[in-house]
Amino acid sequence: MRGQSGFAFTVKKPDDTFYKEKKDYSPISKKIKFFGFPLIRGVIGLFENLIIGMKVLNKSAEIAFPEEENQSMSTIAMFFLFLISLIIGLMIFTGIPYMITPIFKVNHNSNPILYNLISGIIRMIMFFIYLISISFLKDTKRLFGYHGAEHKTIHTYESKLDLTVENVKAKPRLHPRCGTSFVFIVFIITIVIFPLFNIFFNTQQWYNNINKIPEKISAYEFDMSILSKIKNEKDRNKLAEYYYRDTANGYFLLKDNLSKNDTIILKGILEKIRYNFWGRLLQRLIHIFSHIFIGMPIVAAISYELLKLSQKHEKNPLVKLFIAPGLFFQLFTTREPDDTMIKAAILSLKMVLGEEELETARNVSEKLNFAINPILSTIIYPIFIF
């Protein structure tokens, strides 16, 4: 659980007692004003949460499995693991859809909007497959159970009910302010932002020169043996209509007075003839890396601001419709928790609120019953972040 001034976590130890830890933490956005500006704070906050999350998971694993303590990672090793994992994840969910989309006969240069729409749909399908696949793993099931316990506990707190296992169990495991909704918003924003990169590159001469097709088709001539590169018989026949053989040098030259439509068709055929594998690959890699290292921070910044805006108006029917897909995602990223998971979530929340001492020993068989102070919860709730 994370609050405005720090975060806390609870781990079930092998002896059925709870390990509790609370850390004071001030976001960088509070220390450096620039990082708190809209569109900047989202990217900074995302990295902060990811780093904190990895540290807590690593510490939790050390406590829950002490026999593997000698295998724990250093901070530097964990940072590089996080960095490599992030890059691989972005390559998979950004690069692979971009490589699959040409199957649908859509060109990323001539039709960037449709191209990125199809890529976005493929990306979303891949994410669903990924979530469903990992949900069968034993450790992931437990992780998603703790995620569900977190949501249920927050619901109970926001309802100003006593924090008991029974009250928490009765609450839904889906929460509108969960970071999972952020993921869905990211998917939508990529469909809007990524085409702008394609359009920009199409206006750059250096980019077009990578795989340039002659603009002046009338000056184009070639040896007809190159026709073997065209597998489509219709294209081969069409090409024969546009050229005549120059017996003097053995080349085929373009006929005069072609219509505009014929010129468009011809350019498409010539593109297949002059297909430059490495040029096309380089163009796609330029798009992929620009999307990852420039586009994704922009997408994350915009998505964060939209999520913050939706939190302020979460009762609005349009906002409810907007966050509904994010709630659908949570069906895969949360599970119904057991009593131990719920107790861990309750203790973590109470530590963030300053109502649970670290020195107080707790065990899994203990019955927890924390009364809520209605006045205090009303003050803390609007600024609480988890």
Protein backbone atom coordinates (compact mmCIF):
# COMPACT_ATOMS: atom_id res chain seq x y z
CA MET A 1 0.00 0.00 0.00
CA ARG A 2 1.27 3.47 -0.84
CA GLY A 3 0.20 6.76 0.66
CA GLN A 4 1.22 10.38 0.28
CA SER A 5 4.20 10.14 2.65
CA GLY A 6 5.37 6.58 2.17
CA PHE A 7 4.46 2.96 1.60
CA ALA A 8 4.05 -0.20 3.67
CA PHE A 9 3.92 -3.91 2.99
CA THR A 10 3.17 -7.07 4.93
CA VAL A 11 4.57 -10.55 4.23
CA LYS A 12 3.44 -13.90 5.59
CA LYS A 13 6.48 -15.67 7.03
CA PRO A 14 6.95 -19.48 7.03
CA ASP A 15 6.17 -19.60 10.79
CA ASP A 16 2.69 -18.09 10.10
CA THR A 17 3.54 -14.70 11.55
CA PHE A 18 3.48 -11.43 9.64
CA TYR A 19 6.55 -9.39 8.75
CA LYS A 20 5.67 -5.69 8.56
CA GLU A 21 7.67 -2.86 7.10
CA LYS A 22 6.93 0.81 6.52
CA LYS A 23 9.06 3.22 4.54
CA ASP A 24 8.84 6.98 4.47
CA TYR A 25 9.03 8.10 0.88
CA SER A 26 8.67 11.49 -0.73
CA PRO A 27 8.04 11.45 -4.49
CA ILE A 28 10.59 13.17 -6.71
CA SER A 29 7.77 15.39 -7.98
CA LYS A 30 7.57 16.92 -4.49
CA LYS A 31 11.32 17.43 -4.23
CA ILE A 32 11.80 18.89 -7.70
CA LYS A 33 8.97 21.11 -8.86
CA PHE A 34 9.62 20.50 -12.57
CA PHE A 35 8.89 16.77 -12.20
CA GLY A 36 5.49 17.64 -10.72
CA PHE A 37 4.24 19.42 -13.85
CA PRO A 38 1.43 17.79 -15.85
CA LEU A 39 2.67 15.38 -18.54
CA ILE A 40 6.00 15.15 -16.70
CA ARG A 41 4.73 13.72 -13.42
CA GLY A 42 3.11 10.73 -15.13
CA VAL A 43 6.34 9.35 -16.58
CA ILE A 44 8.29 9.99 -13.36
CA GLY A 45 5.53 8.47 -11.23
CA LEU A 46 5.36 5.38 -13.44
CA PHE A 47 9.06 4.66 -13.03
CA GLU A 48 8.91 5.37 -9.30
CA ASN A 49 6.06 2.90 -8.81
CA LEU A 50 7.78 0.24 -10.90
CA ILE A 51 11.02 0.56 -8.96
CA ILE A 52 9.26 0.53 -5.58
CA GLY A 53 7.20 -2.47 -6.67
CA MET A 54 10.28 -4.45 -7.69
CA LYS A 55 12.06 -3.65 -4.44
CA VAL A 56 9.06 -4.77 -2.38
CA LEU A 57 8.65 -7.98 -4.39
CA ASN A 58 12.35 -8.76 -3.97
CA LYS A 59 12.23 -8.11 -0.22
CA SER A 60 9.02 -10.13 0.11
CA ALA A 61 10.62 -13.10 -1.63
CA GLU A 62 13.60 -12.97 0.77
CA ILE A 63 11.27 -13.04 3.78
CA ALA A 64 8.78 -15.60 2.46
CA PHE A 65 11.56 -17.95 1.25
CA PRO A 66 14.50 -17.46 3.66
CA GLU A 67 16.18 -20.64 2.44
CA GLU A 68 16.87 -18.81 -0.83
CA GLU A 69 18.25 -15.67 0.82
CA ASN A 70 21.71 -16.20 -0.69
CA GLN A 71 20.11 -15.87 -4.11
CA SER A 72 18.71 -12.38 -3.49
CA MET A 73 19.72 -9.69 -5.98
CA SER A 74 21.67 -6.55 -5.31
CA THR A 75 20.09 -3.18 -6.05
CA ILE A 76 22.24 -2.78 -9.18
CA ALA A 77 21.38 -6.25 -10.48
CA MET A 78 17.71 -5.62 -9.80
CA PHE A 79 17.88 -2.31 -11.69
CA PHE A 80 19.40 -3.93 -14.76
CA LEU A 81 16.89 -6.78 -14.59
CA PHE A 82 14.11 -4.22 -14.46
CA LEU A 83 15.59 -2.27 -17.38
CA ILE A 84 16.08 -5.36 -19.54
CA SER A 85 12.60 -6.68 -18.70
CA LEU A 86 11.05 -3.32 -19.57
CA ILE A 87 12.81 -3.13 -22.94
CA ILE A 88 11.91 -6.74 -23.81
CA GLY A 89 8.30 -6.13 -22.83
CA LEU A 90 8.11 -2.98 -24.95
CA MET A 91 9.74 -4.76 -27.89
CA ILE A 92 7.21 -7.59 -27.65
CA PHE A 93 4.09 -5.45 -27.31
CA THR A 94 5.25 -2.71 -29.68
CA GLY A 95 7.50 -4.48 -32.18
CA ILE A 96 5.66 -7.74 -32.84
CA PRO A 97 2.27 -6.11 -33.66
CA TYR A 98 4.10 -3.76 -36.01
CA MET A 99 5.68 -6.72 -37.81
CA ILE A 100 2.42 -8.70 -38.02
CA THR A 101 0.26 -5.88 -39.40
CA PRO A 102 1.62 -6.05 -43.02
CA ILE A 103 -0.18 -9.41 -43.32
CA PHE A 104 -3.36 -7.33 -43.66
CA LYS A 105 -1.94 -5.59 -46.77
CA VAL A 106 -1.69 -2.21 -45.03
CA ASN A 107 1.39 -0.05 -45.53
CA HIS A 108 2.79 1.89 -42.57
CA ASN A 109 3.84 4.77 -44.83
CA SER A 110 0.80 5.18 -47.07
CA ASN A 111 -1.88 4.48 -44.44
CA PRO A 112 -0.38 5.12 -40.96
CA ILE A 113 -3.71 5.55 -39.15
CA LEU A 114 -5.18 2.22 -40.26
CA TYR A 115 -1.80 0.54 -39.80
CA ASN A 116 -1.55 1.64 -36.16
CA LEU A 117 -5.20 0.85 -35.50
CA ILE A 118 -4.63 -2.74 -36.58
CA SER A 119 -1.35 -2.85 -34.63
CA GLY A 120 -3.19 -1.57 -31.55
CA ILE A 121 -5.84 -4.28 -31.81
CA ILE A 122 -3.13 -6.95 -32.21
CA ARG A 123 -1.30 -5.49 -29.20
CA MET A 124 -4.44 -5.73 -27.08
CA ILE A 125 -5.10 -9.33 -28.16
CA MET A 126 -1.50 -10.23 -27.32
CA PHE A 127 -1.90 -8.66 -23.89
CA PHE A 128 -5.05 -10.70 -23.23
CA ILE A 129 -3.26 -13.88 -24.24
CA TYR A 130 -0.35 -12.92 -21.99
CA LEU A 131 -2.62 -12.28 -18.99
CA ILE A 132 -4.57 -15.49 -19.47
CA SER A 133 -1.34 -17.48 -19.87
CA ILE A 134 0.37 -16.22 -16.71
CA SER A 135 -2.85 -16.51 -14.69
CA PHE A 136 -2.36 -20.29 -14.66
CA LEU A 137 1.01 -20.03 -12.90
CA LYS A 138 0.89 -20.86 -9.19
CA ASP A 139 2.92 -17.84 -8.04
CA THR A 140 0.95 -15.48 -10.28
CA LYS A 141 -2.33 -16.77 -8.84
CA ARG A 142 -1.14 -15.79 -5.37
CA LEU A 143 0.11 -12.42 -6.62
CA PHE A 144 -3.28 -11.71 -8.21
CA GLY A 145 -4.95 -12.84 -4.97
CA TYR A 146 -3.02 -10.19 -3.02
CA HIS A 147 -3.98 -7.67 -5.71
CA GLY A 148 -7.64 -8.54 -5.12
CA ALA A 149 -7.16 -8.23 -1.35
CA GLU A 150 -5.72 -4.74 -1.84
CA HIS A 151 -8.75 -3.61 -3.83
CA LYS A 152 -11.26 -5.10 -1.42
CA THR A 153 -9.53 -3.48 1.54
CA ILE A 154 -9.52 -0.06 -0.12
CA HIS A 155 -13.22 -0.45 -0.95
CA THR A 156 -13.93 -1.25 2.70
CA TYR A 157 -11.95 1.76 3.90
CA GLU A 158 -13.65 4.10 1.43
CA SER A 159 -17.04 2.79 2.58
CA LYS A 160 -16.08 3.79 6.16
CA LEU A 161 -16.61 0.25 7.41
CA ASP A 162 -14.54 -1.47 10.08
CA LEU A 163 -11.54 -3.25 8.59
CA THR A 164 -12.43 -6.85 9.33
CA VAL A 165 -11.92 -9.92 7.18
CA GLU A 166 -15.70 -10.34 6.90
CA ASN A 167 -16.28 -6.78 5.72
CA VAL A 168 -13.40 -6.93 3.25
CA LYS A 169 -14.61 -10.24 1.79
CA ALA A 170 -17.98 -8.69 0.96
CA LYS A 171 -16.44 -5.97 -1.24
CA PRO A 172 -15.73 -6.30 -4.98
CA ARG A 173 -12.21 -7.10 -6.11
CA LEU A 174 -12.33 -4.61 -8.99
CA HIS A 175 -11.43 -0.97 -8.38
CA PRO A 176 -11.80 1.97 -10.81
CA ARG A 177 -8.54 3.64 -9.72
CA CYS A 178 -6.34 0.60 -10.23
CA GLY A 179 -3.25 0.90 -12.38
CA THR A 180 -4.67 -1.80 -14.64
CA SER A 181 -7.03 0.84 -16.04
CA PHE A 182 -3.89 2.80 -16.89
CA VAL A 183 -2.78 -0.05 -19.16
CA PHE A 184 -6.01 0.10 -21.16
CA ILE A 185 -5.75 3.89 -21.54
CA VAL A 186 -2.19 3.38 -22.84
CA PHE A 187 -3.50 1.01 -25.52
CA ILE A 188 -6.01 3.60 -26.70
CA ILE A 189 -3.58 6.53 -26.67
CA THR A 190 -0.97 4.60 -28.68
CA ILE A 191 -3.50 4.31 -31.51
CA VAL A 192 -3.78 8.11 -31.53
CA ILE A 193 -0.12 9.07 -30.95
CA PHE A 194 1.84 6.48 -32.92
CA PRO A 195 0.44 7.44 -36.38
CA LEU A 196 1.83 10.96 -35.84
CA PHE A 197 5.34 9.50 -35.88
CA ASN A 198 4.64 7.73 -39.19
CA ILE A 199 3.26 10.92 -40.70
CA PHE A 200 6.28 12.90 -39.49
CA PHE A 201 8.78 10.44 -40.93
CA ASN A 202 6.95 10.42 -44.27
CA THR A 203 7.76 14.14 -44.59
CA GLN A 204 11.49 13.59 -44.01
CA GLN A 205 13.68 13.21 -47.10
CA TRP A 206 16.33 11.11 -45.33
CA TYR A 207 13.65 8.61 -44.28
CA ASN A 208 12.15 8.31 -47.78
CA ASN A 209 15.60 7.82 -49.29
CA ILE A 210 16.08 4.64 -47.25
CA ASN A 211 13.74 2.74 -49.58
CA LYS A 212 13.01 5.18 -52.34
CA ILE A 213 10.86 4.29 -55.34
CA PRO A 214 11.51 6.48 -58.42
CA GLU A 215 9.04 9.34 -58.55
CA LYS A 216 9.56 9.95 -62.27
CA ILE A 217 8.24 6.69 -63.59
CA SER A 218 8.59 7.86 -67.21
CA ALA A 219 12.36 7.74 -66.84
CA TYR A 220 12.30 4.21 -65.48
CA GLU A 221 13.67 1.31 -67.49
CA PHE A 222 14.79 -2.17 -66.54
CA ASP A 223 15.77 -5.62 -67.76
CA MET A 224 12.60 -7.75 -67.92
CA SER A 225 14.44 -10.67 -66.29
CA ILE A 226 13.60 -8.92 -63.03
CA LEU A 227 9.97 -9.94 -63.57
CA SER A 228 10.87 -13.24 -61.94
CA LYS A 229 10.68 -11.35 -58.64
CA ILE A 230 6.97 -10.74 -59.16
CA LYS A 231 4.99 -13.79 -58.05
CA ASN A 232 1.59 -12.34 -58.87
CA GLU A 233 0.69 -13.22 -62.47
CA LYS A 234 -1.80 -10.36 -62.66
CA ASP A 235 0.97 -7.89 -61.81
CA ARG A 236 3.26 -9.40 -64.46
CA ASN A 237 0.57 -9.10 -67.13
CA LYS A 238 -0.27 -5.57 -66.04
CA LEU A 239 3.35 -4.54 -66.23
CA ALA A 240 3.61 -5.84 -69.79
CA GLU A 241 0.82 -3.44 -70.78
CA TYR A 242 2.82 -0.41 -69.63
CA TYR A 243 6.16 -1.15 -71.31
CA TYR A 244 7.48 -1.79 -74.79
CA ARG A 245 10.72 -3.48 -75.75
CA ASP A 246 13.58 -1.38 -77.07
CA THR A 247 15.28 -3.85 -79.39
CA ALA A 248 18.38 -1.66 -79.64
CA ASN A 249 19.52 -2.24 -76.05
CA GLY A 250 17.27 -5.04 -74.82
CA TYR A 251 15.56 -2.86 -72.18
CA PHE A 252 11.84 -2.36 -71.69
CA LEU A 253 10.79 1.30 -71.68
CA LEU A 254 7.66 2.90 -70.27
CA LYS A 255 4.88 3.83 -72.69
CA ASP A 256 3.83 7.47 -72.95
CA ASN A 257 0.56 9.10 -71.87
CA LEU A 258 -0.39 6.80 -68.98
CA SER A 259 -3.47 7.80 -67.02
CA LYS A 260 -3.21 8.86 -63.38
CA ASN A 261 -4.81 5.60 -62.27
CA ASP A 262 -2.35 3.59 -64.37
CA THR A 263 0.52 5.54 -62.82
CA ILE A 264 -0.67 4.66 -59.30
CA ILE A 265 -1.01 0.98 -60.20
CA LEU A 266 2.40 1.01 -61.85
CA LYS A 267 4.08 2.54 -58.80
CA GLY A 268 2.66 -0.26 -56.69
CA ILE A 269 4.07 -2.89 -59.04
CA LEU A 270 7.44 -1.17 -59.23
CA GLU A 271 7.56 -1.08 -55.46
CA LYS A 272 7.33 -4.88 -55.48
CA ILE A 273 10.09 -5.07 -58.10
CA ARG A 274 12.36 -2.66 -56.30
CA TYR A 275 11.50 -4.19 -52.93
CA ASN A 276 14.43 -3.45 -50.65
CA PHE A 277 14.27 -5.85 -47.69
CA TRP A 278 16.90 -4.05 -45.61
CA GLY A 279 15.48 -0.63 -46.44
CA ARG A 280 11.97 -1.69 -45.39
CA LEU A 281 13.33 -3.35 -42.26
CA LEU A 282 15.28 -0.23 -41.32
CA GLN A 283 12.18 1.93 -41.78
CA ARG A 284 10.17 -0.34 -39.51
CA LEU A 285 12.90 -0.40 -36.88
CA ILE A 286 12.96 3.41 -36.95
CA HIS A 287 9.22 3.42 -36.24
CA ILE A 288 9.47 0.77 -33.51
CA PHE A 289 12.32 2.44 -31.62
CA SER A 290 10.78 5.90 -31.96
CA HIS A 291 7.51 4.51 -30.60
CA ILE A 292 9.28 2.86 -27.65
CA PHE A 293 11.78 5.53 -26.60
CA ILE A 294 9.90 8.69 -27.62
CA GLY A 295 6.28 7.67 -28.13
CA MET A 296 5.76 5.56 -25.00
CA PRO A 297 6.85 8.31 -22.54
CA ILE A 298 4.44 10.69 -24.30
CA VAL A 299 1.67 8.05 -24.21
CA ALA A 300 2.36 7.33 -20.51
CA ALA A 301 2.24 11.04 -19.67
CA ILE A 302 -1.11 11.58 -21.42
CA SER A 303 -2.58 8.34 -20.03
CA TYR A 304 -1.64 9.32 -16.48
CA GLU A 305 -3.35 12.70 -16.81
CA LEU A 306 -6.50 11.04 -18.19
CA LEU A 307 -6.49 8.55 -15.32
CA LYS A 308 -6.13 11.39 -12.80
CA LEU A 309 -8.99 13.23 -14.50
CA SER A 310 -11.21 10.15 -14.40
CA GLN A 311 -10.56 9.78 -10.66
CA LYS A 312 -12.02 13.23 -10.03
CA HIS A 313 -15.20 12.42 -11.98
CA GLU A 314 -15.53 8.66 -11.45
CA LYS A 315 -19.28 8.92 -10.80
CA ASN A 316 -19.90 10.54 -14.19
CA PRO A 317 -21.64 8.06 -16.56
CA LEU A 318 -19.21 8.87 -19.41
CA VAL A 319 -16.23 8.34 -17.13
CA LYS A 320 -17.70 5.03 -15.95
CA LEU A 321 -17.97 3.98 -19.58
CA PHE A 322 -14.39 5.09 -20.18
CA ILE A 323 -12.95 3.05 -17.28
CA ALA A 324 -15.16 -0.01 -17.90
CA PRO A 325 -12.56 -1.77 -20.12
CA GLY A 326 -9.97 -1.23 -17.38
CA LEU A 327 -12.27 -2.99 -14.92
CA PHE A 328 -12.59 -5.81 -17.45
CA PHE A 329 -8.79 -6.17 -17.45
CA GLN A 330 -8.92 -6.56 -13.67
CA LEU A 331 -10.93 -9.75 -14.05
CA PHE A 332 -7.62 -11.26 -15.16
CA THR A 333 -5.22 -9.41 -12.83
CA THR A 334 -7.12 -10.02 -9.57
CA ARG A 335 -8.42 -13.13 -7.81
CA GLU A 336 -10.56 -13.72 -4.76
CA PRO A 337 -8.13 -13.59 -1.82
CA ASP A 338 -7.94 -15.93 1.15
CA ASP A 339 -8.10 -14.71 4.76
CA THR A 340 -4.31 -14.44 5.09
CA MET A 341 -4.06 -12.19 2.03
CA ILE A 342 -6.83 -9.98 3.37
CA LYS A 343 -5.12 -9.66 6.75
CA ALA A 344 -1.86 -8.69 5.05
CA ALA A 345 -3.69 -5.99 3.06
CA ILE A 346 -5.46 -4.66 6.18
CA LEU A 347 -2.21 -4.42 8.14
CA SER A 348 -0.45 -2.66 5.26
CA LEU A 349 -3.24 -0.10 4.96
CA LYS A 350 -3.28 0.54 8.71
CA MET A 351 0.49 1.12 8.69
CA VAL A 352 0.15 3.66 5.86
CA LEU A 353 -2.54 5.41 7.89
CA GLY A 354 -0.28 5.41 10.95
CA GLU A 355 -2.68 3.25 12.96
CA GLU A 356 -0.58 0.07 13.17
CA GLU A 357 2.77 -0.11 14.96
CA LEU A 358 5.62 -2.10 13.46
CA GLU A 359 6.44 -3.51 16.90
CA THR A 360 2.99 -5.09 17.31
CA ALA A 361 3.37 -8.80 16.59
CA ARG A 362 0.74 -10.31 14.33
CA ASN A 363 0.05 -13.86 13.12
CA VAL A 364 -2.25 -15.39 10.51
CA SER A 365 -4.62 -16.91 13.09
CA GLU A 366 -5.24 -13.58 14.80
CA LYS A 367 -8.63 -11.97 14.31
CA LEU A 368 -8.26 -8.40 13.08
CA ASN A 369 -10.89 -5.79 13.86
CA PHE A 370 -9.97 -2.19 13.17
CA ALA A 371 -12.65 0.44 13.70
CA ILE A 372 -12.71 3.30 11.19
CA ASN A 373 -12.61 6.89 12.34
CA PRO A 374 -15.18 8.55 10.00
CA ILE A 375 -13.64 12.01 10.36
CA LEU A 376 -10.09 10.79 9.73
CA SER A 377 -11.09 8.66 6.75
CA THR A 378 -12.93 11.59 5.19
CA ILE A 379 -9.78 13.73 5.44
CA ILE A 380 -7.35 11.07 4.19
CA TYR A 381 -9.47 9.41 1.48
CA PRO A 382 -9.35 12.13 -1.20
CA ILE A 383 -5.56 12.20 -1.24
CA PHE A 384 -4.95 8.49 -0.73
CA ILE A 385 -3.07 6.73 -3.52
CA PHE A 386 -2.44 2.99 -3.77
